[in-house]
Amino acid sequence: MRNSRVRIGRRRRAGVLAALLVVTLIAALASIASANDVTAVEVDCSTAKVHFRDFPTNGIPVHIVVTVAYVWVVKDVTVDKNTTEVSVDISSATARLSGQTSAVWIDATWTLSGSHHVHEVTSVKCGTPVTTSTSTSTSTSTSTSTSTSTTSTTIAPTTGTQIFQVEFRECHILHVGYTHIPAGTPVHWEVFQSGKSLATGQWVAATGGGLHFLNMPIGKSFNPAGHKGAVNFWWTVGTTSYAYSVVRAVNC
């Protein structure tokens, strides 16, 4: 009887220790998962800086996508415990802003005890506005001729007033919701994944007010093991050009 009690006591202690071990392991994994993070982003006309903290000693691959207007810049880096920030050169993307303000989307994704995705939005105003140039010539008959040239580029609002919904559905469909784009306006789009162009297309804005929705097959499926997809939109109304860009999960 005594030996039986001893065996039962040992089993109970072993069970308690096993339970404590599981709890400890779960807490440790949760700590690892929550520790690594992006603490801040800084953007100017030449560089986007992403600040990291609490990554492990062994580096983790991080995929960074910075989108300015309809141009996006991709950088793949390895982040470890000594990495405090990563800089991405966006000067080629901001060079076309011509004094306009553009939204800047920053997406950082990595895998460490699960998938992580940090999405930040800010804005920059870069370049010199295109000004009106006027030349005047006067002859002896006092006649005057004036030549005026003006161009403008307007970036779509960061809130997506014109294109307010973008999703990738079923791994091969581009879903778009839009409004306030004049009827008959061609809207062009190009879809990317992992820095490579996947498909291009366009639609013509519908007549009537209110909200409009489209489902457009992109012709091929995303790579389900790849990174998120990105899509650039651009259109022109009169002499004003608009652009809008987003990064989304591919939903494969």
C-alpha atoms as a PDB file:
ATOM      1  CA  MET A   1       0.000   0.000   0.000  1.00  0.00           C
ATOM      2  CA  ARG A   2       2.815   2.399   0.854  1.00  0.00           C
ATOM      3  CA  ASN A   3       4.589   1.762  -2.475  1.00  0.00           C
ATOM      4  CA  SER A   4       1.314   2.432  -4.295  1.00  0.00           C
ATOM      5  CA  ARG A   5       0.959   5.782  -2.500  1.00  0.00           C
ATOM      6  CA  VAL A   6       4.536   6.700  -3.386  1.00  0.00           C
ATOM      7  CA  ARG A   7       3.910   5.944  -7.069  1.00  0.00           C
ATOM      8  CA  ILE A   8       0.715   8.028  -7.057  1.00  0.00           C
ATOM      9  CA  GLY A   9       2.554  10.926  -5.389  1.00  0.00           C
ATOM     10  CA  ARG A  10       5.290  10.786  -7.999  1.00  0.00           C
ATOM     11  CA  ARG A  11       2.748  10.777 -10.813  1.00  0.00           C
ATOM     12  CA  ARG A  12       1.020  13.828  -9.337  1.00  0.00           C
ATOM     13  CA  ARG A  13       4.310  15.710  -8.995  1.00  0.00           C
ATOM     14  CA  ALA A  14       5.270  14.771 -12.563  1.00  0.00           C
ATOM     15  CA  GLY A  15       1.907  16.020 -13.811  1.00  0.00           C
ATOM     16  CA  VAL A  16       2.278  19.306 -11.959  1.00  0.00           C
ATOM     17  CA  LEU A  17       5.809  19.796 -13.319  1.00  0.00           C
ATOM     18  CA  ALA A  18       4.651  19.033 -16.867  1.00  0.00           C
ATOM     19  CA  ALA A  19       1.828  21.573 -16.569  1.00  0.00           C
ATOM     20  CA  LEU A  20       4.222  24.213 -15.225  1.00  0.00           C
ATOM     21  CA  LEU A  21       6.605  23.503 -18.097  1.00  0.00           C
ATOM     22  CA  VAL A  22       3.829  24.011 -20.670  1.00  0.00           C
ATOM     23  CA  VAL A  23       2.747  27.281 -19.039  1.00  0.00           C
ATOM     24  CA  THR A  24       6.348  28.502 -18.941  1.00  0.00           C
ATOM     25  CA  LEU A  25       6.885  27.578 -22.599  1.00  0.00           C
ATOM     26  CA  ILE A  26       3.691  29.367 -23.691  1.00  0.00           C
ATOM     27  CA  ALA A  27       4.680  32.472 -21.731  1.00  0.00           C
ATOM     28  CA  ALA A  28       8.150  32.437 -23.279  1.00  0.00           C
ATOM     29  CA  LEU A  29       6.758  32.110 -26.806  1.00  0.00           C
ATOM     30  CA  ALA A  30       4.274  34.909 -26.164  1.00  0.00           C
ATOM     31  CA  SER A  31       7.079  37.112 -24.897  1.00  0.00           C
ATOM     32  CA  ILE A  32       9.151  36.436 -28.022  1.00  0.00           C
ATOM     33  CA  ALA A  33       6.184  37.094 -30.281  1.00  0.00           C
ATOM     34  CA  SER A  34       5.264  40.386 -28.664  1.00  0.00           C
ATOM     35  CA  ALA A  35       8.761  41.751 -28.125  1.00  0.00           C
ATOM     36  CA  ASN A  36       9.971  42.250 -31.721  1.00  0.00           C
ATOM     37  CA  ASP A  37       8.289  45.283 -33.207  1.00  0.00           C
ATOM     38  CA  VAL A  38       8.539  48.457 -35.275  1.00  0.00           C
ATOM     39  CA  THR A  39       8.707  51.414 -32.905  1.00  0.00           C
ATOM     40  CA  ALA A  40       8.548  54.284 -35.398  1.00  0.00           C
ATOM     41  CA  VAL A  41       8.954  55.384 -38.999  1.00  0.00           C
ATOM     42  CA  GLU A  42      10.560  58.563 -40.321  1.00  0.00           C
ATOM     43  CA  VAL A  43      10.165  59.804 -43.883  1.00  0.00           C
ATOM     44  CA  ASP A  44      11.714  62.661 -45.804  1.00  0.00           C
ATOM     45  CA  CYS A  45      12.137  63.287 -49.520  1.00  0.00           C
ATOM     46  CA  SER A  46      15.110  60.957 -49.828  1.00  0.00           C
ATOM     47  CA  THR A  47      14.772  58.254 -47.175  1.00  0.00           C
ATOM     48  CA  ALA A  48      12.222  56.212 -45.272  1.00  0.00           C
ATOM     49  CA  LYS A  49      13.575  54.939 -41.948  1.00  0.00           C
ATOM     50  CA  VAL A  50      11.985  52.025 -40.105  1.00  0.00           C
ATOM     51  CA  HIS A  51      12.962  51.618 -36.436  1.00  0.00           C
ATOM     52  CA  PHE A  52      13.065  48.141 -34.891  1.00  0.00           C
ATOM     53  CA  ARG A  53      13.460  46.798 -31.373  1.00  0.00           C
ATOM     54  CA  ASP A  54      13.864  43.528 -29.458  1.00  0.00           C
ATOM     55  CA  PHE A  55      14.658  41.212 -32.347  1.00  0.00           C
ATOM     56  CA  PRO A  56      16.582  38.001 -31.503  1.00  0.00           C
ATOM     57  CA  THR A  57      20.319  37.450 -31.793  1.00  0.00           C
ATOM     58  CA  ASN A  58      19.836  35.325 -34.891  1.00  0.00           C
ATOM     59  CA  GLY A  59      18.651  37.683 -37.605  1.00  0.00           C
ATOM     60  CA  ILE A  60      15.108  37.527 -38.976  1.00  0.00           C
ATOM     61  CA  PRO A  61      14.359  38.327 -42.678  1.00  0.00           C
ATOM     62  CA  VAL A  62      12.105  41.397 -42.930  1.00  0.00           C
ATOM     63  CA  HIS A  63      10.329  42.487 -46.122  1.00  0.00           C
ATOM     64  CA  ILE A  64       9.797  46.266 -46.379  1.00  0.00           C
ATOM     65  CA  VAL A  65       7.598  47.949 -48.997  1.00  0.00           C
ATOM     66  CA  VAL A  66       7.481  51.750 -49.197  1.00  0.00           C
ATOM     67  CA  THR A  67       4.865  53.188 -51.558  1.00  0.00           C
ATOM     68  CA  VAL A  68       4.970  56.822 -52.685  1.00  0.00           C
ATOM     69  CA  ALA A  69       2.258  57.896 -55.134  1.00  0.00           C
ATOM     70  CA  TYR A  70       2.107  55.013 -57.610  1.00  0.00           C
ATOM     71  CA  VAL A  71       5.762  54.038 -57.185  1.00  0.00           C
ATOM     72  CA  TRP A  72       6.769  51.429 -54.644  1.00  0.00           C
ATOM     73  CA  VAL A  73      10.228  50.544 -53.364  1.00  0.00           C
ATOM     74  CA  VAL A  74      11.045  47.121 -51.917  1.00  0.00           C
ATOM     75  CA  LYS A  75      13.876  46.244 -49.560  1.00  0.00           C
ATOM     76  CA  ASP A  76      14.597  42.861 -47.963  1.00  0.00           C
ATOM     77  CA  VAL A  77      16.843  42.987 -44.899  1.00  0.00           C
ATOM     78  CA  THR A  78      17.903  40.856 -41.966  1.00  0.00           C
ATOM     79  CA  VAL A  79      17.067  42.381 -38.578  1.00  0.00           C
ATOM     80  CA  ASP A  80      18.729  41.225 -35.354  1.00  0.00           C
ATOM     81  CA  LYS A  81      19.131  42.494 -31.801  1.00  0.00           C
ATOM     82  CA  ASN A  82      21.687  45.101 -32.909  1.00  0.00           C
ATOM     83  CA  THR A  83      19.470  46.578 -35.633  1.00  0.00           C
ATOM     84  CA  THR A  84      17.884  49.840 -34.540  1.00  0.00           C
ATOM     85  CA  GLU A  85      16.798  51.173 -37.925  1.00  0.00           C
ATOM     86  CA  VAL A  86      16.744  50.344 -41.629  1.00  0.00           C
ATOM     87  CA  SER A  87      16.838  53.046 -44.317  1.00  0.00           C
ATOM     88  CA  VAL A  88      15.106  52.744 -47.688  1.00  0.00           C
ATOM     89  CA  ASP A  89      16.078  55.109 -50.516  1.00  0.00           C
ATOM     90  CA  ILE A  90      12.864  56.642 -51.920  1.00  0.00           C
ATOM     91  CA  SER A  91      14.395  59.607 -53.737  1.00  0.00           C
ATOM     92  CA  SER A  92      13.485  58.225 -57.168  1.00  0.00           C
ATOM     93  CA  ALA A  93       9.839  57.920 -56.094  1.00  0.00           C
ATOM     94  CA  THR A  94       9.555  61.388 -54.551  1.00  0.00           C
ATOM     95  CA  ALA A  95      11.360  63.081 -57.452  1.00  0.00           C
ATOM     96  CA  ARG A  96       8.134  63.183 -59.477  1.00  0.00           C
ATOM     97  CA  LEU A  97       6.005  64.923 -56.850  1.00  0.00           C
ATOM     98  CA  SER A  98       6.765  68.446 -58.160  1.00  0.00           C
ATOM     99  CA  GLY A  99       5.897  70.153 -54.900  1.00  0.00           C
ATOM    100  CA  GLN A 100       2.781  68.058 -54.251  1.00  0.00           C
ATOM    101  CA  THR A 101       1.996  66.240 -51.000  1.00  0.00           C
ATOM    102  CA  SER A 102       1.853  62.462 -51.298  1.00  0.00           C
ATOM    103  CA  ALA A 103       0.833  59.726 -48.924  1.00  0.00           C
ATOM    104  CA  VAL A 104       3.610  57.303 -47.988  1.00  0.00           C
ATOM    105  CA  TRP A 105       2.668  53.744 -47.075  1.00  0.00           C
ATOM    106  CA  ILE A 106       5.210  51.632 -45.175  1.00  0.00           C
ATOM    107  CA  ASP A 107       4.629  47.899 -44.748  1.00  0.00           C
ATOM    108  CA  ALA A 108       7.047  45.637 -42.872  1.00  0.00           C
ATOM    109  CA  THR A 109       6.403  41.889 -42.671  1.00  0.00           C
ATOM    110  CA  TRP A 110       8.321  39.044 -41.035  1.00  0.00           C
ATOM    111  CA  THR A 111       7.800  35.623 -39.470  1.00  0.00           C
ATOM    112  CA  LEU A 112       8.833  34.861 -35.885  1.00  0.00           C
ATOM    113  CA  SER A 113       6.548  32.678 -33.772  1.00  0.00           C
ATOM    114  CA  GLY A 114       3.839  33.603 -36.259  1.00  0.00           C
ATOM    115  CA  SER A 115       3.355  36.195 -38.987  1.00  0.00           C
ATOM    116  CA  HIS A 116       3.860  39.899 -38.264  1.00  0.00           C
ATOM    117  CA  HIS A 117       2.678  42.839 -40.359  1.00  0.00           C
ATOM    118  CA  VAL A 118       3.209  46.493 -39.458  1.00  0.00           C
ATOM    119  CA  HIS A 119       1.449  49.086 -41.621  1.00  0.00           C
ATOM    120  CA  GLU A 120       2.146  52.817 -41.204  1.00  0.00           C
ATOM    121  CA  VAL A 121       0.937  55.785 -43.252  1.00  0.00           C
ATOM    122  CA  THR A 122       2.494  59.239 -43.325  1.00  0.00           C
ATOM    123  CA  SER A 123       3.045  61.879 -46.003  1.00  0.00           C
ATOM    124  CA  VAL A 124       5.739  63.990 -47.640  1.00  0.00           C
ATOM    125  CA  LYS A 125       5.816  67.139 -49.739  1.00  0.00           C
ATOM    126  CA  CYS A 126       8.758  67.129 -52.116  1.00  0.00           C
ATOM    127  CA  GLY A 127      10.147  68.903 -55.113  1.00  0.00           C
ATOM    128  CA  THR A 128       9.448  72.288 -56.609  1.00  0.00           C
ATOM    129  CA  PRO A 129       5.976  73.187 -57.863  1.00  0.00           C
ATOM    130  CA  VAL A 130       5.656  73.675 -61.581  1.00  0.00           C
ATOM    131  CA  THR A 131       5.072  77.382 -62.048  1.00  0.00           C
ATOM    132  CA  THR A 132       3.432  79.303 -64.827  1.00  0.00           C
ATOM    133  CA  SER A 133       5.955  80.837 -67.167  1.00  0.00           C
ATOM    134  CA  THR A 134       4.907  83.890 -69.151  1.00  0.00           C
ATOM    135  CA  SER A 135       6.932  85.481 -71.903  1.00  0.00           C
ATOM    136  CA  THR A 136       5.976  88.813 -73.441  1.00  0.00           C
ATOM    137  CA  SER A 137       7.332  90.301 -76.629  1.00  0.00           C
ATOM    138  CA  THR A 138       6.398  93.768 -77.890  1.00  0.00           C
ATOM    139  CA  SER A 139       6.858  95.015 -81.449  1.00  0.00           C
ATOM    140  CA  THR A 140       6.841  98.604 -82.753  1.00  0.00           C
ATOM    141  CA  SER A 141       3.114  98.283 -83.348  1.00  0.00           C
ATOM    142  CA  THR A 142       2.691  97.650 -79.596  1.00  0.00           C
ATOM    143  CA  SER A 143       1.121  94.220 -80.165  1.00  0.00           C
ATOM    144  CA  THR A 144       1.780  91.766 -77.321  1.00  0.00           C
ATOM    145  CA  SER A 145       1.871  87.958 -77.483  1.00  0.00           C
ATOM    146  CA  THR A 146       1.744  85.857 -74.304  1.00  0.00           C
ATOM    147  CA  SER A 147       2.719  82.202 -73.951  1.00  0.00           C
ATOM    148  CA  THR A 148       1.603  80.317 -70.856  1.00  0.00           C
ATOM    149  CA  SER A 149       2.426  76.717 -69.880  1.00  0.00           C
ATOM    150  CA  THR A 150       1.090  75.013 -66.759  1.00  0.00           C
ATOM    151  CA  THR A 151       1.104  71.375 -65.652  1.00  0.00           C
ATOM    152  CA  SER A 152      -0.012  69.813 -62.407  1.00  0.00           C
ATOM    153  CA  THR A 153       0.041  66.433 -60.716  1.00  0.00           C
ATOM    154  CA  THR A 154      -2.321  65.642 -57.879  1.00  0.00           C
ATOM    155  CA  ILE A 155      -1.882  62.609 -55.676  1.00  0.00           C
ATOM    156  CA  ALA A 156      -5.050  60.858 -54.578  1.00  0.00           C
ATOM    157  CA  PRO A 157      -5.950  61.628 -50.941  1.00  0.00           C
ATOM    158  CA  THR A 158      -4.549  59.336 -48.251  1.00  0.00           C
ATOM    159  CA  THR A 159      -8.086  58.522 -47.147  1.00  0.00           C
ATOM    160  CA  GLY A 160      -8.857  57.056 -50.540  1.00  0.00           C
ATOM    161  CA  THR A 161     -11.795  59.365 -51.317  1.00  0.00           C
ATOM    162  CA  GLN A 162     -11.780  58.204 -54.940  1.00  0.00           C
ATOM    163  CA  ILE A 163     -10.614  54.589 -54.495  1.00  0.00           C
ATOM    164  CA  PHE A 164     -11.851  53.604 -51.054  1.00  0.00           C
ATOM    165  CA  GLN A 165     -11.612  49.796 -51.142  1.00  0.00           C
ATOM    166  CA  VAL A 166      -8.934  47.496 -52.551  1.00  0.00           C
ATOM    167  CA  GLU A 167      -8.705  43.746 -51.885  1.00  0.00           C
ATOM    168  CA  PHE A 168      -7.144  40.678 -53.466  1.00  0.00           C
ATOM    169  CA  ARG A 169      -9.730  37.895 -53.405  1.00  0.00           C
ATOM    170  CA  GLU A 170      -9.415  34.159 -54.023  1.00  0.00           C
ATOM    171  CA  CYS A 171      -5.720  34.608 -54.894  1.00  0.00           C
ATOM    172  CA  HIS A 172      -6.440  35.965 -58.410  1.00  0.00           C
ATOM    173  CA  ILE A 173      -9.114  38.685 -58.287  1.00  0.00           C
ATOM    174  CA  LEU A 174      -8.592  42.429 -57.815  1.00  0.00           C
ATOM    175  CA  HIS A 175     -11.614  43.892 -56.002  1.00  0.00           C
ATOM    176  CA  VAL A 176     -11.985  47.689 -56.146  1.00  0.00           C
ATOM    177  CA  GLY A 177     -14.516  50.147 -54.774  1.00  0.00           C
ATOM    178  CA  TYR A 178     -14.435  53.717 -56.113  1.00  0.00           C
ATOM    179  CA  THR A 179     -16.424  56.938 -56.257  1.00  0.00           C
ATOM    180  CA  HIS A 180     -16.101  60.557 -57.482  1.00  0.00           C
ATOM    181  CA  ILE A 181     -14.179  59.584 -60.625  1.00  0.00           C
ATOM    182  CA  PRO A 182     -15.882  61.254 -63.606  1.00  0.00           C
ATOM    183  CA  ALA A 183     -17.813  58.914 -65.902  1.00  0.00           C
ATOM    184  CA  GLY A 184     -15.822  57.713 -68.888  1.00  0.00           C
ATOM    185  CA  THR A 185     -12.429  58.187 -67.209  1.00  0.00           C
ATOM    186  CA  PRO A 186     -10.002  55.308 -67.937  1.00  0.00           C
ATOM    187  CA  VAL A 187      -8.374  54.085 -64.718  1.00  0.00           C
ATOM    188  CA  HIS A 188      -5.204  52.025 -65.189  1.00  0.00           C
ATOM    189  CA  TRP A 189      -3.815  49.491 -62.723  1.00  0.00           C
ATOM    190  CA  GLU A 190      -0.773  47.280 -62.306  1.00  0.00           C
ATOM    191  CA  VAL A 191      -0.415  44.452 -59.771  1.00  0.00           C
ATOM    192  CA  PHE A 192       2.930  43.391 -58.285  1.00  0.00           C
ATOM    193  CA  GLN A 193       4.216  40.652 -56.002  1.00  0.00           C
ATOM    194  CA  SER A 194       7.743  40.399 -54.614  1.00  0.00           C
ATOM    195  CA  GLY A 195       8.828  43.332 -56.760  1.00  0.00           C
ATOM    196  CA  LYS A 196       7.665  41.776 -60.060  1.00  0.00           C
ATOM    197  CA  SER A 197       4.813  42.957 -62.242  1.00  0.00           C
ATOM    198  CA  LEU A 198       2.074  40.320 -62.265  1.00  0.00           C
ATOM    199  CA  ALA A 199      -0.709  41.881 -64.342  1.00  0.00           C
ATOM    200  CA  THR A 200      -1.931  45.158 -65.841  1.00  0.00           C
ATOM    201  CA  GLY A 201      -5.352  46.385 -66.886  1.00  0.00           C
ATOM    202  CA  GLN A 202      -7.833  49.212 -66.815  1.00  0.00           C
ATOM    203  CA  TRP A 203     -11.500  50.026 -66.366  1.00  0.00           C
ATOM    204  CA  VAL A 204     -13.645  52.968 -67.447  1.00  0.00           C
ATOM    205  CA  ALA A 205     -15.432  54.840 -64.665  1.00  0.00           C
ATOM    206  CA  ALA A 206     -19.171  54.185 -64.654  1.00  0.00           C
ATOM    207  CA  THR A 207     -21.885  56.814 -65.011  1.00  0.00           C
ATOM    208  CA  GLY A 208     -23.984  57.866 -62.058  1.00  0.00           C
ATOM    209  CA  GLY A 209     -23.071  58.947 -58.547  1.00  0.00           C
ATOM    210  CA  GLY A 210     -22.658  56.790 -55.483  1.00  0.00           C
ATOM    211  CA  LEU A 211     -20.287  53.893 -54.884  1.00  0.00           C
ATOM    212  CA  HIS A 212     -19.072  51.555 -57.620  1.00  0.00           C
ATOM    213  CA  PHE A 213     -17.476  48.104 -57.217  1.00  0.00           C
ATOM    214  CA  LEU A 214     -15.474  45.907 -59.596  1.00  0.00           C
ATOM    215  CA  ASN A 215     -14.044  42.379 -59.538  1.00  0.00           C
ATOM    216  CA  MET A 216     -11.244  42.065 -62.101  1.00  0.00           C
ATOM    217  CA  PRO A 217      -9.381  38.757 -62.681  1.00  0.00           C
ATOM    218  CA  ILE A 218      -5.655  39.391 -62.863  1.00  0.00           C
ATOM    219  CA  GLY A 219      -5.071  36.472 -65.216  1.00  0.00           C
ATOM    220  CA  LYS A 220      -2.883  34.385 -62.933  1.00  0.00           C
ATOM    221  CA  SER A 221      -2.738  33.456 -59.273  1.00  0.00           C
ATOM    222  CA  PHE A 222      -0.421  34.944 -56.695  1.00  0.00           C
ATOM    223  CA  ASN A 223       2.325  32.800 -55.255  1.00  0.00           C
ATOM    224  CA  PRO A 224       0.748  31.775 -51.916  1.00  0.00           C
ATOM    225  CA  ALA A 225       4.209  31.414 -50.378  1.00  0.00           C
ATOM    226  CA  GLY A 226       5.260  34.854 -51.576  1.00  0.00           C
ATOM    227  CA  HIS A 227       4.954  38.275 -50.052  1.00  0.00           C
ATOM    228  CA  LYS A 228       1.913  40.529 -50.072  1.00  0.00           C
ATOM    229  CA  GLY A 229       0.647  41.950 -53.319  1.00  0.00           C
ATOM    230  CA  ALA A 230       0.700  45.616 -54.301  1.00  0.00           C
ATOM    231  CA  VAL A 231      -1.358  47.531 -56.830  1.00  0.00           C
ATOM    232  CA  ASN A 232      -0.812  50.942 -58.411  1.00  0.00           C
ATOM    233  CA  PHE A 233      -3.687  52.963 -59.916  1.00  0.00           C
ATOM    234  CA  TRP A 234      -3.382  56.042 -62.103  1.00  0.00           C
ATOM    235  CA  TRP A 235      -5.828  58.164 -64.093  1.00  0.00           C
ATOM    236  CA  THR A 236      -6.182  61.651 -65.555  1.00  0.00           C
ATOM    237  CA  VAL A 237      -9.070  64.086 -65.348  1.00  0.00           C
ATOM    238  CA  GLY A 238      -8.592  67.037 -67.687  1.00  0.00           C
ATOM    239  CA  THR A 239      -4.974  68.128 -67.176  1.00  0.00           C
ATOM    240  CA  THR A 240      -4.709  66.713 -63.651  1.00  0.00           C
ATOM    241  CA  SER A 241      -3.111  63.313 -63.028  1.00  0.00           C
ATOM    242  CA  TYR A 242      -4.022  61.162 -60.025  1.00  0.00           C
ATOM    243  CA  ALA A 243      -2.280  58.151 -58.495  1.00  0.00           C
ATOM    244  CA  TYR A 244      -3.072  55.742 -55.669  1.00  0.00           C
ATOM    245  CA  SER A 245      -1.175  52.695 -54.358  1.00  0.00           C
ATOM    246  CA  VAL A 246      -1.819  50.017 -51.725  1.00  0.00           C
ATOM    247  CA  VAL A 247      -0.278  46.815 -50.364  1.00  0.00           C
ATOM    248  CA  ARG A 248      -2.601  43.969 -49.418  1.00  0.00           C
ATOM    249  CA  ALA A 249      -2.606  40.298 -48.385  1.00  0.00           C
ATOM    250  CA  VAL A 250      -3.030  38.019 -51.389  1.00  0.00           C
ATOM    251  CA  ASN A 251      -5.625  35.755 -49.680  1.00  0.00           C
ATOM    252  CA  CYS A 252      -4.526  32.478 -51.232  1.00  0.00           C
END
